[in-house]
Amino acid sequence: MKIVMAIIKPFKLEEVRDALTGIGVHGLTVTEVKGYGRQKGHTEIYRGAEYAVSFLPKLKIEVAVASDLVSSVIDAIAGAARTGQIGDGKIFVMPLEKAVRIRTGETDADAL
């Protein structure tokens, strides 16, 4: 089992969710986060004054999946979240040692 974590632009959430649902992934966690990558933020002009925005709003999506679905999940997220612009985000994959469904006590792949 693996956890796939993706940092994406907020307006791409619905497209990513639809893409994941289309390949059979039904559960995900979304967190509002702020950060920056190589672009180190940007500047905005508000009422004639220029402001530096160091941390940009992003969404972090976490999906726990069976190991054989990881490449499909990565392809679905990357395809749906891509705009071709700077700051599209990143995808990380981490091992998941154990999963337990609290309600039923199912473990590992059955809990997903």
PDB file of N, CA and C in Angstrom:
ATOM      1  N   MET A   1       0.837  -1.182   0.000  1.00  0.00           N
ATOM      2  CA  MET A   1       0.000   0.000   0.000  1.00  0.00           C
ATOM      3  C   MET A   1       0.879   1.242   0.000  1.00  0.00           C
ATOM      4  N   LYS A   2       0.357   2.300  -0.588  1.00  0.00           N
ATOM      5  CA  LYS A   2       1.088   3.555  -0.701  1.00  0.00           C
ATOM      6  C   LYS A   2       0.154   4.722  -0.409  1.00  0.00           C
ATOM      7  N   ILE A   3       0.758   5.828   0.021  1.00  0.00           N
ATOM      8  CA  ILE A   3       0.028   7.093   0.116  1.00  0.00           C
ATOM      9  C   ILE A   3       0.563   7.981  -0.998  1.00  0.00           C
ATOM     10  N   VAL A   4      -0.330   8.477  -1.832  1.00  0.00           N
ATOM     11  CA  VAL A   4       0.036   9.412  -2.885  1.00  0.00           C
ATOM     12  C   VAL A   4      -0.408  10.786  -2.418  1.00  0.00           C
ATOM     13  N   MET A   5       0.558  11.702  -2.324  1.00  0.00           N
ATOM     14  CA  MET A   5       0.278  13.059  -1.881  1.00  0.00           C
ATOM     15  C   MET A   5       0.574  14.002  -3.041  1.00  0.00           C
ATOM     16  N   ALA A   6      -0.382  14.858  -3.343  1.00  0.00           N
ATOM     17  CA  ALA A   6      -0.223  15.798  -4.448  1.00  0.00           C
ATOM     18  C   ALA A   6      -0.499  17.206  -3.957  1.00  0.00           C
ATOM     19  N   ILE A   7       0.339  18.141  -4.391  1.00  0.00           N
ATOM     20  CA  ILE A   7       0.132  19.563  -4.125  1.00  0.00           C
ATOM     21  C   ILE A   7      -0.314  20.170  -5.453  1.00  0.00           C
ATOM     22  N   ILE A   8      -1.524  20.738  -5.489  1.00  0.00           N
ATOM     23  CA  ILE A   8      -2.086  21.236  -6.746  1.00  0.00           C
ATOM     24  C   ILE A   8      -2.652  22.640  -6.568  1.00  0.00           C
ATOM     25  N   LYS A   9      -2.980  23.267  -7.684  1.00  0.00           N
ATOM     26  CA  LYS A   9      -3.660  24.563  -7.660  1.00  0.00           C
ATOM     27  C   LYS A   9      -5.112  24.340  -7.227  1.00  0.00           C
ATOM     28  N   PRO A  10      -5.656  25.242  -6.408  1.00  0.00           N
ATOM     29  CA  PRO A  10      -7.006  25.035  -5.856  1.00  0.00           C
ATOM     30  C   PRO A  10      -8.114  24.850  -6.894  1.00  0.00           C
ATOM     31  N   PHE A  11      -8.041  25.554  -8.014  1.00  0.00           N
ATOM     32  CA  PHE A  11      -9.136  25.465  -8.980  1.00  0.00           C
ATOM     33  C   PHE A  11      -9.127  24.151  -9.765  1.00  0.00           C
ATOM     34  N   LYS A  12      -8.135  23.301  -9.556  1.00  0.00           N
ATOM     35  CA  LYS A  12      -8.063  22.018 -10.253  1.00  0.00           C
ATOM     36  C   LYS A  12      -8.640  20.864  -9.430  1.00  0.00           C
ATOM     37  N   LEU A  13      -9.148  21.141  -8.236  1.00  0.00           N
ATOM     38  CA  LEU A  13      -9.611  20.077  -7.343  1.00  0.00           C
ATOM     39  C   LEU A  13     -10.700  19.211  -7.963  1.00  0.00           C
ATOM     40  N   GLU A  14     -11.729  19.826  -8.521  1.00  0.00           N
ATOM     41  CA  GLU A  14     -12.836  19.046  -9.075  1.00  0.00           C
ATOM     42  C   GLU A  14     -12.381  18.144 -10.222  1.00  0.00           C
ATOM     43  N   GLU A  15     -11.507  18.650 -11.076  1.00  0.00           N
ATOM     44  CA  GLU A  15     -11.000  17.832 -12.181  1.00  0.00           C
ATOM     45  C   GLU A  15     -10.191  16.656 -11.674  1.00  0.00           C
ATOM     46  N   VAL A  16      -9.370  16.885 -10.648  1.00  0.00           N
ATOM     47  CA  VAL A  16      -8.570  15.803 -10.071  1.00  0.00           C
ATOM     48  C   VAL A  16      -9.486  14.779  -9.407  1.00  0.00           C
ATOM     49  N   ARG A  17     -10.471  15.243  -8.663  1.00  0.00           N
ATOM     50  CA  ARG A  17     -11.397  14.318  -8.004  1.00  0.00           C
ATOM     51  C   ARG A  17     -12.151  13.475  -9.030  1.00  0.00           C
ATOM     52  N   ASP A  18     -12.607  14.095 -10.100  1.00  0.00           N
ATOM     53  CA  ASP A  18     -13.307  13.346 -11.150  1.00  0.00           C
ATOM     54  C   ASP A  18     -12.395  12.320 -11.808  1.00  0.00           C
ATOM     55  N   ALA A  19     -11.133  12.691 -12.034  1.00  0.00           N
ATOM     56  CA  ALA A  19     -10.177  11.761 -12.641  1.00  0.00           C
ATOM     57  C   ALA A  19      -9.916  10.568 -11.722  1.00  0.00           C
ATOM     58  N   LEU A  20      -9.791  10.824 -10.426  1.00  0.00           N
ATOM     59  CA  LEU A  20      -9.553   9.726  -9.479  1.00  0.00           C
ATOM     60  C   LEU A  20     -10.779   8.829  -9.357  1.00  0.00           C
ATOM     61  N   THR A  21     -11.949   9.417  -9.328  1.00  0.00           N
ATOM     62  CA  THR A  21     -13.179   8.623  -9.278  1.00  0.00           C
ATOM     63  C   THR A  21     -13.304   7.759 -10.526  1.00  0.00           C
ATOM     64  N   GLY A  22     -12.876   8.284 -11.666  1.00  0.00           N
ATOM     65  CA  GLY A  22     -12.936   7.545 -12.922  1.00  0.00           C
ATOM     66  C   GLY A  22     -12.072   6.300 -12.951  1.00  0.00           C
ATOM     67  N   ILE A  23     -11.008   6.259 -12.139  1.00  0.00           N
ATOM     68  CA  ILE A  23     -10.166   5.060 -12.109  1.00  0.00           C
ATOM     69  C   ILE A  23     -10.451   4.181 -10.896  1.00  0.00           C
ATOM     70  N   GLY A  24     -11.495   4.522 -10.139  1.00  0.00           N
ATOM     71  CA  GLY A  24     -11.918   3.660  -9.041  1.00  0.00           C
ATOM     72  C   GLY A  24     -11.420   4.050  -7.665  1.00  0.00           C
ATOM     73  N   VAL A  25     -10.859   5.242  -7.516  1.00  0.00           N
ATOM     74  CA  VAL A  25     -10.433   5.725  -6.199  1.00  0.00           C
ATOM     75  C   VAL A  25     -11.590   6.519  -5.617  1.00  0.00           C
ATOM     76  N   HIS A  26     -12.072   6.123  -4.435  1.00  0.00           N
ATOM     77  CA  HIS A  26     -13.275   6.750  -3.895  1.00  0.00           C
ATOM     78  C   HIS A  26     -13.042   7.579  -2.647  1.00  0.00           C
ATOM     79  N   GLY A  27     -11.859   7.506  -2.050  1.00  0.00           N
ATOM     80  CA  GLY A  27     -11.617   8.281  -0.844  1.00  0.00           C
ATOM     81  C   GLY A  27     -10.366   9.113  -0.972  1.00  0.00           C
ATOM     82  N   LEU A  28     -10.432  10.364  -0.521  1.00  0.00           N
ATOM     83  CA  LEU A  28      -9.254  11.214  -0.513  1.00  0.00           C
ATOM     84  C   LEU A  28      -9.413  12.257   0.573  1.00  0.00           C
ATOM     85  N   THR A  29      -8.295  12.822   0.971  1.00  0.00           N
ATOM     86  CA  THR A  29      -8.281  13.878   1.973  1.00  0.00           C
ATOM     87  C   THR A  29      -7.704  15.127   1.331  1.00  0.00           C
ATOM     88  N   VAL A  30      -8.340  16.266   1.560  1.00  0.00           N
ATOM     89  CA  VAL A  30      -7.901  17.532   0.982  1.00  0.00           C
ATOM     90  C   VAL A  30      -7.613  18.503   2.119  1.00  0.00           C
ATOM     91  N   THR A  31      -6.454  19.158   2.045  1.00  0.00           N
ATOM     92  CA  THR A  31      -6.048  20.145   3.040  1.00  0.00           C
ATOM     93  C   THR A  31      -5.632  21.417   2.317  1.00  0.00           C
ATOM     94  N   GLU A  32      -6.063  22.567   2.833  1.00  0.00           N
ATOM     95  CA  GLU A  32      -5.616  23.841   2.281  1.00  0.00           C
ATOM     96  C   GLU A  32      -4.233  24.142   2.858  1.00  0.00           C
ATOM     97  N   VAL A  33      -3.276  24.393   1.976  1.00  0.00           N
ATOM     98  CA  VAL A  33      -1.911  24.676   2.397  1.00  0.00           C
ATOM     99  C   VAL A  33      -1.392  25.905   1.659  1.00  0.00           C
ATOM    100  N   LYS A  34      -0.268  26.420   2.093  1.00  0.00           N
ATOM    101  CA  LYS A  34       0.402  27.515   1.398  1.00  0.00           C
ATOM    102  C   LYS A  34       1.853  27.123   1.219  1.00  0.00           C
ATOM    103  N   GLY A  35       2.442  27.575   0.125  1.00  0.00           N
ATOM    104  CA  GLY A  35       3.838  27.265  -0.101  1.00  0.00           C
ATOM    105  C   GLY A  35       4.344  27.890  -1.372  1.00  0.00           C
ATOM    106  N   TYR A  36       5.584  27.568  -1.694  1.00  0.00           N
ATOM    107  CA  TYR A  36       6.167  28.040  -2.943  1.00  0.00           C
ATOM    108  C   TYR A  36       7.197  27.029  -3.406  1.00  0.00           C
ATOM    109  N   GLY A  37       7.484  27.074  -4.676  1.00  0.00           N
ATOM    110  CA  GLY A  37       8.494  26.221  -5.271  1.00  0.00           C
ATOM    111  C   GLY A  37       9.589  27.079  -5.858  1.00  0.00           C
ATOM    112  N   ARG A  38       9.994  26.734  -7.044  1.00  0.00           N
ATOM    113  CA  ARG A  38      11.074  27.469  -7.690  1.00  0.00           C
ATOM    114  C   ARG A  38      10.727  28.924  -7.965  1.00  0.00           C
ATOM    115  N   GLN A  39       9.427  29.224  -8.134  1.00  0.00           N
ATOM    116  CA  GLN A  39       9.052  30.597  -8.480  1.00  0.00           C
ATOM    117  C   GLN A  39       9.141  31.531  -7.285  1.00  0.00           C
ATOM    118  N   LYS A  40       9.244  31.030  -6.082  1.00  0.00           N
ATOM    119  CA  LYS A  40       9.388  31.826  -4.859  1.00  0.00           C
ATOM    120  C   LYS A  40       8.307  32.885  -4.702  1.00  0.00           C
ATOM    121  N   GLY A  41       7.072  32.560  -5.062  1.00  0.00           N
ATOM    122  CA  GLY A  41       5.971  33.506  -4.924  1.00  0.00           C
ATOM    123  C   GLY A  41       5.869  34.437  -6.119  1.00  0.00           C
ATOM    124  N   HIS A  42       5.169  35.550  -5.942  1.00  0.00           N
ATOM    125  CA  HIS A  42       5.015  36.534  -7.004  1.00  0.00           C
ATOM    126  C   HIS A  42       4.653  37.885  -6.384  1.00  0.00           C
ATOM    127  N   THR A  43       4.535  38.907  -7.219  1.00  0.00           N
ATOM    128  CA  THR A  43       4.131  40.225  -6.729  1.00  0.00           C
ATOM    129  C   THR A  43       2.755  40.567  -7.285  1.00  0.00           C
ATOM    130  N   GLU A  44       1.976  41.261  -6.464  1.00  0.00           N
ATOM    131  CA  GLU A  44       0.645  41.722  -6.872  1.00  0.00           C
ATOM    132  C   GLU A  44       0.559  43.214  -6.642  1.00  0.00           C
ATOM    133  N   ILE A  45      -0.271  43.871  -7.440  1.00  0.00           N
ATOM    134  CA  ILE A  45      -0.498  45.302  -7.258  1.00  0.00           C
ATOM    135  C   ILE A  45      -1.923  45.483  -6.743  1.00  0.00           C
ATOM    136  N   TYR A  46      -2.042  46.139  -5.594  1.00  0.00           N
ATOM    137  CA  TYR A  46      -3.339  46.387  -4.975  1.00  0.00           C
ATOM    138  C   TYR A  46      -3.418  47.859  -4.615  1.00  0.00           C
ATOM    139  N   ARG A  47      -4.382  48.566  -5.198  1.00  0.00           N
ATOM    140  CA  ARG A  47      -4.585  50.004  -4.970  1.00  0.00           C
ATOM    141  C   ARG A  47      -3.305  50.796  -5.195  1.00  0.00           C
ATOM    142  N   GLY A  48      -2.600  50.452  -6.246  1.00  0.00           N
ATOM    143  CA  GLY A  48      -1.409  51.195  -6.628  1.00  0.00           C
ATOM    144  C   GLY A  48      -0.136  50.807  -5.910  1.00  0.00           C
ATOM    145  N   ALA A  49      -0.236  49.954  -4.892  1.00  0.00           N
ATOM    146  CA  ALA A  49       0.959  49.528  -4.166  1.00  0.00           C
ATOM    147  C   ALA A  49       1.310  48.099  -4.567  1.00  0.00           C
ATOM    148  N   GLU A  50       2.596  47.824  -4.626  1.00  0.00           N
ATOM    149  CA  GLU A  50       3.058  46.490  -5.013  1.00  0.00           C
ATOM    150  C   GLU A  50       3.363  45.675  -3.756  1.00  0.00           C
ATOM    151  N   TYR A  51       2.834  44.445  -3.714  1.00  0.00           N
ATOM    152  CA  TYR A  51       3.034  43.572  -2.567  1.00  0.00           C
ATOM    153  C   TYR A  51       3.681  42.272  -3.028  1.00  0.00           C
ATOM    154  N   ALA A  52       4.602  41.774  -2.241  1.00  0.00           N
ATOM    155  CA  ALA A  52       5.223  40.478  -2.526  1.00  0.00           C
ATOM    156  C   ALA A  52       4.412  39.389  -1.829  1.00  0.00           C
ATOM    157  N   VAL A  53       3.985  38.417  -2.580  1.00  0.00           N
ATOM    158  CA  VAL A  53       3.253  37.279  -2.029  1.00  0.00           C
ATOM    159  C   VAL A  53       4.214  36.095  -2.046  1.00  0.00           C
ATOM    160  N   SER A  54       4.741  35.754  -0.873  1.00  0.00           N
ATOM    161  CA  SER A  54       5.751  34.704  -0.793  1.00  0.00           C
ATOM    162  C   SER A  54       5.144  33.314  -0.818  1.00  0.00           C
ATOM    163  N   PHE A  55       4.000  33.132  -0.171  1.00  0.00           N
ATOM    164  CA  PHE A  55       3.381  31.815  -0.080  1.00  0.00           C
ATOM    165  C   PHE A  55       2.076  31.821  -0.869  1.00  0.00           C
ATOM    166  N   LEU A  56       1.981  30.911  -1.816  1.00  0.00           N
ATOM    167  CA  LEU A  56       0.809  30.829  -2.679  1.00  0.00           C
ATOM    168  C   LEU A  56      -0.167  29.790  -2.142  1.00  0.00           C
ATOM    169  N   PRO A  57      -1.474  30.022  -2.272  1.00  0.00           N
ATOM    170  CA  PRO A  57      -2.453  29.037  -1.810  1.00  0.00           C
ATOM    171  C   PRO A  57      -2.441  27.807  -2.703  1.00  0.00           C
ATOM    172  N   LYS A  58      -2.419  26.645  -2.078  1.00  0.00           N
ATOM    173  CA  LYS A  58      -2.430  25.360  -2.780  1.00  0.00           C
ATOM    174  C   LYS A  58      -3.348  24.415  -2.027  1.00  0.00           C
ATOM    175  N   LEU A  59      -3.596  23.254  -2.624  1.00  0.00           N
ATOM    176  CA  LEU A  59      -4.326  22.186  -1.956  1.00  0.00           C
ATOM    177  C   LEU A  59      -3.430  20.958  -1.901  1.00  0.00           C
ATOM    178  N   LYS A  60      -3.459  20.272  -0.766  1.00  0.00           N
ATOM    179  CA  LYS A  60      -2.742  19.008  -0.631  1.00  0.00           C
ATOM    180  C   LYS A  60      -3.782  17.893  -0.630  1.00  0.00           C
ATOM    181  N   ILE A  61      -3.628  16.975  -1.572  1.00  0.00           N
ATOM    182  CA  ILE A  61      -4.526  15.830  -1.681  1.00  0.00           C
ATOM    183  C   ILE A  61      -3.760  14.591  -1.258  1.00  0.00           C
ATOM    184  N   GLU A  62      -4.347  13.793  -0.385  1.00  0.00           N
ATOM    185  CA  GLU A  62      -3.729  12.539   0.040  1.00  0.00           C
ATOM    186  C   GLU A  62      -4.675  11.389  -0.287  1.00  0.00           C
ATOM    187  N   VAL A  63      -4.128  10.356  -0.929  1.00  0.00           N
ATOM    188  CA  VAL A  63      -4.912   9.196  -1.332  1.00  0.00           C
ATOM    189  C   VAL A  63      -4.153   7.944  -0.927  1.00  0.00           C
ATOM    190  N   ALA A  64      -4.798   7.063  -0.184  1.00  0.00           N
ATOM    191  CA  ALA A  64      -4.210   5.779   0.167  1.00  0.00           C
ATOM    192  C   ALA A  64      -4.709   4.745  -0.842  1.00  0.00           C
ATOM    193  N   VAL A  65      -3.776   4.070  -1.510  1.00  0.00           N
ATOM    194  CA  VAL A  65      -4.150   3.112  -2.566  1.00  0.00           C
ATOM    195  C   VAL A  65      -3.289   1.852  -2.472  1.00  0.00           C
ATOM    196  N   ALA A  66      -3.767   0.804  -3.113  1.00  0.00           N
ATOM    197  CA  ALA A  66      -2.969  -0.413  -3.247  1.00  0.00           C
ATOM    198  C   ALA A  66      -1.781  -0.116  -4.149  1.00  0.00           C
ATOM    199  N   SER A  67      -0.696  -0.819  -3.943  1.00  0.00           N
ATOM    200  CA  SER A  67       0.541  -0.544  -4.680  1.00  0.00           C
ATOM    201  C   SER A  67       0.377  -0.661  -6.187  1.00  0.00           C
ATOM    202  N   ASP A  68      -0.505  -1.544  -6.641  1.00  0.00           N
ATOM    203  CA  ASP A  68      -0.663  -1.728  -8.088  1.00  0.00           C
ATOM    204  C   ASP A  68      -1.421  -0.578  -8.755  1.00  0.00           C
ATOM    205  N   LEU A  69      -2.050   0.297  -7.970  1.00  0.00           N
ATOM    206  CA  LEU A  69      -2.784   1.436  -8.537  1.00  0.00           C
ATOM    207  C   LEU A  69      -1.972   2.727  -8.580  1.00  0.00           C
ATOM    208  N   VAL A  70      -0.774   2.711  -8.024  1.00  0.00           N
ATOM    209  CA  VAL A  70      -0.011   3.954  -7.864  1.00  0.00           C
ATOM    210  C   VAL A  70       0.235   4.655  -9.199  1.00  0.00           C
ATOM    211  N   SER A  71       0.681   3.939 -10.204  1.00  0.00           N
ATOM    212  CA  SER A  71       0.981   4.601 -11.480  1.00  0.00           C
ATOM    213  C   SER A  71      -0.279   5.172 -12.120  1.00  0.00           C
ATOM    214  N   SER A  72      -1.418   4.499 -11.991  1.00  0.00           N
ATOM    215  CA  SER A  72      -2.677   5.020 -12.523  1.00  0.00           C
ATOM    216  C   SER A  72      -3.104   6.294 -11.793  1.00  0.00           C
ATOM    217  N   VAL A  73      -2.916   6.305 -10.473  1.00  0.00           N
ATOM    218  CA  VAL A  73      -3.277   7.474  -9.677  1.00  0.00           C
ATOM    219  C   VAL A  73      -2.384   8.652 -10.046  1.00  0.00           C
ATOM    220  N   ILE A  74      -1.092   8.414 -10.195  1.00  0.00           N
ATOM    221  CA  ILE A  74      -0.171   9.482 -10.576  1.00  0.00           C
ATOM    222  C   ILE A  74      -0.546  10.051 -11.940  1.00  0.00           C
ATOM    223  N   ASP A  75      -0.823   9.179 -12.897  1.00  0.00           N
ATOM    224  CA  ASP A  75      -1.207   9.640 -14.237  1.00  0.00           C
ATOM    225  C   ASP A  75      -2.501  10.444 -14.207  1.00  0.00           C
ATOM    226  N   ALA A  76      -3.479   9.987 -13.406  1.00  0.00           N
ATOM    227  CA  ALA A  76      -4.762  10.685 -13.319  1.00  0.00           C
ATOM    228  C   ALA A  76      -4.590  12.067 -12.703  1.00  0.00           C
ATOM    229  N   ILE A  77      -3.837  12.154 -11.612  1.00  0.00           N
ATOM    230  CA  ILE A  77      -3.634  13.441 -10.951  1.00  0.00           C
ATOM    231  C   ILE A  77      -2.855  14.389 -11.859  1.00  0.00           C
ATOM    232  N   ALA A  78      -1.765  13.902 -12.434  1.00  0.00           N
ATOM    233  CA  ALA A  78      -0.922  14.751 -13.282  1.00  0.00           C
ATOM    234  C   ALA A  78      -1.695  15.255 -14.495  1.00  0.00           C
ATOM    235  N   GLY A  79      -2.472  14.391 -15.103  1.00  0.00           N
ATOM    236  CA  GLY A  79      -3.246  14.791 -16.272  1.00  0.00           C
ATOM    237  C   GLY A  79      -4.312  15.818 -15.959  1.00  0.00           C
ATOM    238  N   ALA A  80      -4.986  15.639 -14.815  1.00  0.00           N
ATOM    239  CA  ALA A  80      -6.076  16.546 -14.459  1.00  0.00           C
ATOM    240  C   ALA A  80      -5.574  17.872 -13.898  1.00  0.00           C
ATOM    241  N   ALA A  81      -4.419  17.865 -13.215  1.00  0.00           N
ATOM    242  CA  ALA A  81      -3.933  19.073 -12.550  1.00  0.00           C
ATOM    243  C   ALA A  81      -3.040  19.928 -13.441  1.00  0.00           C
ATOM    244  N   ARG A  82      -2.609  19.401 -14.571  1.00  0.00           N
ATOM    245  CA  ARG A  82      -1.657  20.126 -15.422  1.00  0.00           C
ATOM    246  C   ARG A  82      -2.325  21.297 -16.139  1.00  0.00           C
ATOM    247  N   THR A  83      -1.703  22.479 -16.002  1.00  0.00           N
ATOM    248  CA  THR A  83      -2.139  23.656 -16.763  1.00  0.00           C
ATOM    249  C   THR A  83      -1.053  24.091 -17.733  1.00  0.00           C
ATOM    250  N   GLY A  84       0.174  23.609 -17.523  1.00  0.00           N
ATOM    251  CA  GLY A  84       1.294  24.022 -18.341  1.00  0.00           C
ATOM    252  C   GLY A  84       1.957  25.291 -17.843  1.00  0.00           C
ATOM    253  N   GLN A  85       1.493  25.798 -16.718  1.00  0.00           N
ATOM    254  CA  GLN A  85       2.043  27.032 -16.146  1.00  0.00           C
ATOM    255  C   GLN A  85       2.932  26.695 -14.950  1.00  0.00           C
ATOM    256  N   ILE A  86       3.748  27.647 -14.552  1.00  0.00           N
ATOM    257  CA  ILE A  86       4.573  27.485 -13.353  1.00  0.00           C
ATOM    258  C   ILE A  86       3.662  27.311 -12.143  1.00  0.00           C
ATOM    259  N   GLY A  87       4.025  26.407 -11.246  1.00  0.00           N
ATOM    260  CA  GLY A  87       3.266  26.209 -10.017  1.00  0.00           C
ATOM    261  C   GLY A  87       2.162  25.180 -10.112  1.00  0.00           C
ATOM    262  N   ASP A  88       2.206  24.306 -11.122  1.00  0.00           N
ATOM    263  CA  ASP A  88       1.182  23.264 -11.242  1.00  0.00           C
ATOM    264  C   ASP A  88       1.205  22.296 -10.061  1.00  0.00           C
ATOM    265  N   GLY A  89       2.340  22.107  -9.422  1.00  0.00           N
ATOM    266  CA  GLY A  89       2.394  21.280  -8.233  1.00  0.00           C
ATOM    267  C   GLY A  89       3.350  20.114  -8.361  1.00  0.00           C
ATOM    268  N   LYS A  90       3.271  19.225  -7.362  1.00  0.00           N
ATOM    269  CA  LYS A  90       4.127  18.055  -7.312  1.00  0.00           C
ATOM    270  C   LYS A  90       3.339  16.881  -6.753  1.00  0.00           C
ATOM    271  N   ILE A  91       3.848  15.669  -7.040  1.00  0.00           N
ATOM    272  CA  ILE A  91       3.251  14.444  -6.524  1.00  0.00           C
ATOM    273  C   ILE A  91       4.336  13.667  -5.793  1.00  0.00           C
ATOM    274  N   PHE A  92       4.010  13.202  -4.597  1.00  0.00           N
ATOM    275  CA  PHE A  92       4.928  12.406  -3.790  1.00  0.00           C
ATOM    276  C   PHE A  92       4.270  11.069  -3.475  1.00  0.00           C
ATOM    277  N   VAL A  93       5.076   9.999  -3.416  1.00  0.00           N
ATOM    278  CA  VAL A  93       4.568   8.669  -3.084  1.00  0.00           C
ATOM    279  C   VAL A  93       5.349   8.158  -1.876  1.00  0.00           C
ATOM    280  N   MET A  94       4.607   7.701  -0.860  1.00  0.00           N
ATOM    281  CA  MET A  94       5.226   7.208   0.362  1.00  0.00           C
ATOM    282  C   MET A  94       4.649   5.844   0.715  1.00  0.00           C
ATOM    283  N   PRO A  95       5.448   5.002   1.351  1.00  0.00           N
ATOM    284  CA  PRO A  95       4.928   3.695   1.765  1.00  0.00           C
ATOM    285  C   PRO A  95       3.915   3.847   2.902  1.00  0.00           C
ATOM    286  N   LEU A  96       2.957   2.942   2.927  1.00  0.00           N
ATOM    287  CA  LEU A  96       1.928   2.904   3.967  1.00  0.00           C
ATOM    288  C   LEU A  96       1.993   1.533   4.619  1.00  0.00           C
ATOM    289  N   GLU A  97       2.377   1.495   5.875  1.00  0.00           N
ATOM    290  CA  GLU A  97       2.587   0.218   6.552  1.00  0.00           C
ATOM    291  C   GLU A  97       1.299  -0.470   6.956  1.00  0.00           C
ATOM    292  N   LYS A  98       0.330   0.268   7.445  1.00  0.00           N
ATOM    293  CA  LYS A  98      -0.890  -0.355   7.949  1.00  0.00           C
ATOM    294  C   LYS A  98      -2.050   0.615   7.825  1.00  0.00           C
ATOM    295  N   ALA A  99      -3.217   0.084   7.560  1.00  0.00           N
ATOM    296  CA  ALA A  99      -4.447   0.866   7.534  1.00  0.00           C
ATOM    297  C   ALA A  99      -5.518   0.087   8.292  1.00  0.00           C
ATOM    298  N   VAL A 100      -6.299   0.775   9.091  1.00  0.00           N
ATOM    299  CA  VAL A 100      -7.372   0.144   9.862  1.00  0.00           C
ATOM    300  C   VAL A 100      -8.633   0.977   9.712  1.00  0.00           C
ATOM    301  N   ARG A 101      -9.724   0.330   9.319  1.00  0.00           N
ATOM    302  CA  ARG A 101     -11.019   1.019   9.283  1.00  0.00           C
ATOM    303  C   ARG A 101     -11.600   0.943  10.688  1.00  0.00           C
ATOM    304  N   ILE A 102     -11.821   2.077  11.290  1.00  0.00           N
ATOM    305  CA  ILE A 102     -12.238   2.128  12.690  1.00  0.00           C
ATOM    306  C   ILE A 102     -13.589   1.466  12.903  1.00  0.00           C
ATOM    307  N   ARG A 103     -14.545   1.719  12.022  1.00  0.00           N
ATOM    308  CA  ARG A 103     -15.903   1.205  12.210  1.00  0.00           C
ATOM    309  C   ARG A 103     -15.969  -0.310  12.226  1.00  0.00           C
ATOM    310  N   THR A 104     -15.282  -0.964  11.298  1.00  0.00           N
ATOM    311  CA  THR A 104     -15.414  -2.421  11.151  1.00  0.00           C
ATOM    312  C   THR A 104     -14.192  -3.205  11.634  1.00  0.00           C
ATOM    313  N   GLY A 105     -13.069  -2.535  11.803  1.00  0.00           N
ATOM    314  CA  GLY A 105     -11.852  -3.223  12.210  1.00  0.00           C
ATOM    315  C   GLY A 105     -11.099  -3.865  11.058  1.00  0.00           C
ATOM    316  N   GLU A 106     -11.571  -3.642   9.814  1.00  0.00           N
ATOM    317  CA  GLU A 106     -10.855  -4.182   8.651  1.00  0.00           C
ATOM    318  C   GLU A 106      -9.462  -3.569   8.595  1.00  0.00           C
ATOM    319  N   THR A 107      -8.518  -4.347   8.074  1.00  0.00           N
ATOM    320  CA  THR A 107      -7.151  -3.853   8.027  1.00  0.00           C
ATOM    321  C   THR A 107      -6.588  -3.901   6.609  1.00  0.00           C
ATOM    322  N   ASP A 108      -5.540  -3.116   6.424  1.00  0.00           N
ATOM    323  CA  ASP A 108      -4.747  -3.052   5.202  1.00  0.00           C
ATOM    324  C   ASP A 108      -5.606  -2.831   3.945  1.00  0.00           C
ATOM    325  N   ALA A 109      -5.470  -3.645   2.919  1.00  0.00           N
ATOM    326  CA  ALA A 109      -6.168  -3.395   1.645  1.00  0.00           C
ATOM    327  C   ALA A 109      -7.685  -3.396   1.822  1.00  0.00           C
ATOM    328  N   ASP A 110      -8.212  -4.200   2.727  1.00  0.00           N
ATOM    329  CA  ASP A 110      -9.665  -4.223   2.959  1.00  0.00           C
ATOM    330  C   ASP A 110     -10.158  -2.913   3.558  1.00  0.00           C
ATOM    331  N   ALA A 111      -9.289  -2.214   4.288  1.00  0.00           N
ATOM    332  CA  ALA A 111      -9.681  -0.951   4.909  1.00  0.00           C
ATOM    333  C   ALA A 111      -9.715   0.188   3.930  1.00  0.00           C
ATOM    334  N   LEU A 112      -9.026   0.041   2.792  1.00  0.00           N
ATOM    335  CA  LEU A 112      -8.998   1.106   1.813  1.00  0.00           C
ATOM    336  C   LEU A 112     -10.307   1.133   1.061  1.00  0.00           C
TER     337      LEU A 112
END
